[in-house]
C-alpha atoms as a PDB file:
ATOM      1  CA  MET A   1      -1.560 144.468  98.449  1.00  0.00           C
ATOM      2  CA  VAL A   2       0.806 143.547  95.605  1.00  0.00           C
ATOM      3  CA  LEU A   3       3.599 141.020  95.647  1.00  0.00           C
ATOM      4  CA  HIS A   4       6.933 142.002  94.139  1.00  0.00           C
ATOM      5  CA  PHE A   5       9.514 139.309  93.555  1.00  0.00           C
ATOM      6  CA  GLY A   6      13.076 140.487  93.686  1.00  0.00           C
ATOM      7  CA  ALA A   7      16.548 139.657  94.927  1.00  0.00           C
ATOM      8  CA  ALA A   8      15.490 140.435  98.506  1.00  0.00           C
ATOM      9  CA  GLY A   9      12.572 137.984  98.306  1.00  0.00           C
ATOM     10  CA  VAL A  10       8.865 138.745  98.298  1.00  0.00           C
ATOM     11  CA  VAL A  11       7.901 142.321  99.095  1.00  0.00           C
ATOM     12  CA  PHE A  12       4.330 143.261 100.002  1.00  0.00           C
ATOM     13  CA  THR A  13       3.157 146.723  99.023  1.00  0.00           C
ATOM     14  CA  ARG A  14      -0.191 148.472  98.750  1.00  0.00           C
ATOM     15  CA  GLY A  15      -1.335 149.063  95.240  1.00  0.00           C
ATOM     16  CA  GLU A  16      -4.028 148.395  92.670  1.00  0.00           C
ATOM     17  CA  ALA A  17      -4.508 144.755  93.613  1.00  0.00           C
ATOM     18  CA  THR A  18      -6.926 144.972  96.526  1.00  0.00           C
ATOM     19  CA  GLY A  19     -10.023 143.017  97.429  1.00  0.00           C
ATOM     20  CA  ARG A  20     -10.950 139.523  96.316  1.00  0.00           C
ATOM     21  CA  LYS A  21     -10.048 140.015  92.646  1.00  0.00           C
ATOM     22  CA  GLY A  22      -6.711 141.481  93.628  1.00  0.00           C
ATOM     23  CA  GLN A  23      -5.982 138.546  95.896  1.00  0.00           C
ATOM     24  CA  GLU A  24      -6.904 136.133  93.109  1.00  0.00           C
ATOM     25  CA  ALA A  25      -4.558 137.983  90.762  1.00  0.00           C
ATOM     26  CA  ILE A  26      -1.778 137.785  93.340  1.00  0.00           C
ATOM     27  CA  MET A  27      -2.376 134.060  93.831  1.00  0.00           C
ATOM     28  CA  LYS A  28      -2.438 133.411  90.066  1.00  0.00           C
ATOM     29  CA  ALA A  29       0.785 135.364  89.588  1.00  0.00           C
ATOM     30  CA  THR A  30       2.438 133.513  92.470  1.00  0.00           C
ATOM     31  CA  LEU A  31       1.368 130.087  91.176  1.00  0.00           C
ATOM     32  CA  LYS A  32       2.398 130.964  87.618  1.00  0.00           C
ATOM     33  CA  LYS A  33       5.856 132.035  88.826  1.00  0.00           C
ATOM     34  CA  PHE A  34       6.138 128.877  90.948  1.00  0.00           C
ATOM     35  CA  PHE A  35       5.204 126.515  88.103  1.00  0.00           C
ATOM     36  CA  ASN A  36       7.461 128.298  85.594  1.00  0.00           C
ATOM     37  CA  ASP A  37      10.488 128.222  87.913  1.00  0.00           C
ATOM     38  CA  GLU A  38      12.789 125.420  86.708  1.00  0.00           C
ATOM     39  CA  SER A  39      15.833 126.102  88.890  1.00  0.00           C
ATOM     40  CA  GLY A  40      14.890 123.360  91.356  1.00  0.00           C
ATOM     41  CA  ALA A  41      14.361 120.883  88.517  1.00  0.00           C
ATOM     42  CA  THR A  42      17.849 121.602  87.205  1.00  0.00           C
ATOM     43  CA  ALA A  43      19.396 120.925  90.613  1.00  0.00           C
ATOM     44  CA  ILE A  44      17.493 117.639  90.865  1.00  0.00           C
ATOM     45  CA  GLU A  45      18.687 116.619  87.389  1.00  0.00           C
ATOM     46  CA  TYR A  46      22.312 117.292  88.347  1.00  0.00           C
ATOM     47  CA  GLY A  47      21.816 115.274  91.527  1.00  0.00           C
ATOM     48  CA  LEU A  48      20.433 112.327  89.568  1.00  0.00           C
ATOM     49  CA  ILE A  49      23.337 112.475  87.114  1.00  0.00           C
ATOM     50  CA  ALA A  50      25.836 112.508  89.991  1.00  0.00           C
ATOM     51  CA  ALA A  51      24.090 109.511  91.581  1.00  0.00           C
ATOM     52  CA  LEU A  52      24.208 107.544  88.318  1.00  0.00           C
ATOM     53  CA  VAL A  53      27.899 108.338  87.813  1.00  0.00           C
ATOM     54  CA  SER A  54      28.595 107.213  91.396  1.00  0.00           C
ATOM     55  CA  VAL A  55      26.775 103.918  90.876  1.00  0.00           C
ATOM     56  CA  ALA A  56      28.679 103.295  87.620  1.00  0.00           C
ATOM     57  CA  ALA A  57      31.997 104.060  89.344  1.00  0.00           C
ATOM     58  CA  ILE A  58      31.212 101.694  92.226  1.00  0.00           C
ATOM     59  CA  ILE A  59      30.339  98.883  89.818  1.00  0.00           C
ATOM     60  CA  ALA A  60      33.443  99.477  87.700  1.00  0.00           C
ATOM     61  CA  LEU A  61      35.770  99.687  90.696  1.00  0.00           C
ATOM     62  CA  GLY A  62      34.215  96.561  92.204  1.00  0.00           C
ATOM     63  CA  SER A  63      34.949  94.573  89.045  1.00  0.00           C
ATOM     64  CA  MET A  64      38.434  96.034  88.784  1.00  0.00           C
ATOM     65  CA  GLY A  65      39.047  95.251  92.458  1.00  0.00           C
ATOM     66  CA  ASP A  66      38.300  91.559  91.873  1.00  0.00           C
ATOM     67  CA  ALA A  67      40.668  91.502  88.884  1.00  0.00           C
ATOM     68  CA  LEU A  68      43.432  93.226  90.886  1.00  0.00           C
ATOM     69  CA  ASN A  69      42.966  90.803  93.784  1.00  0.00           C
ATOM     70  CA  THR A  70      43.356  87.834  91.425  1.00  0.00           C
ATOM     71  CA  MET A  71      46.457  89.369  89.849  1.00  0.00           C
ATOM     72  CA  PHE A  72      48.156  90.047  93.202  1.00  0.00           C
ATOM     73  CA  GLU A  73      47.348  86.541  94.431  1.00  0.00           C
ATOM     74  CA  SER A  74      48.956  85.166  91.264  1.00  0.00           C
ATOM     75  CA  VAL A  75      52.063  87.322  91.769  1.00  0.00           C
ATOM     76  CA  ALA A  76      52.252  86.269  95.439  1.00  0.00           C
ATOM     77  CA  THR A  77      52.050  82.592  94.453  1.00  0.00           C
ATOM     78  CA  ILE A  78      54.808  83.022  91.831  1.00  0.00           C
ATOM     79  CA  LEU A  79      57.059  84.830  94.331  1.00  0.00           C
ATOM     80  CA  THR A  80      56.428  82.230  97.030  1.00  0.00           C
ATOM     81  CA  ASN A  81      57.313  79.433  94.597  1.00  0.00           C
ATOM     82  CA  ALA A  82      60.438  81.305  93.450  1.00  0.00           C
ATOM     83  CA  VAL A  83      61.645  81.767  97.021  1.00  0.00           C
ATOM     84  CA  ALA A  84      60.935  78.100  97.829  1.00  0.00           C
ATOM     85  CA  GLY A  85      62.905  77.026  94.745  1.00  0.00           C
ATOM     86  CA  THR A  86      60.134  75.214  92.907  1.00  0.00           C
END
């Protein structure tokens, strides 16, 4: 039995790889392909980058929110004093 990796997935066929040595060759080829595949690692890296950007945005917006709150309170105080005539 031989494993073929393709767009349709793993295909099992009969071929030269039979018996114990053939199975070992199949397992070695499968493990080698698995360890050399970096597509999952790339997706994880993009996920980590997105998480870090999100954390930075939350921190920045939190600080900016406090500054905006202070500014609007100041404007509200000025308007209240102007309406009251002081």
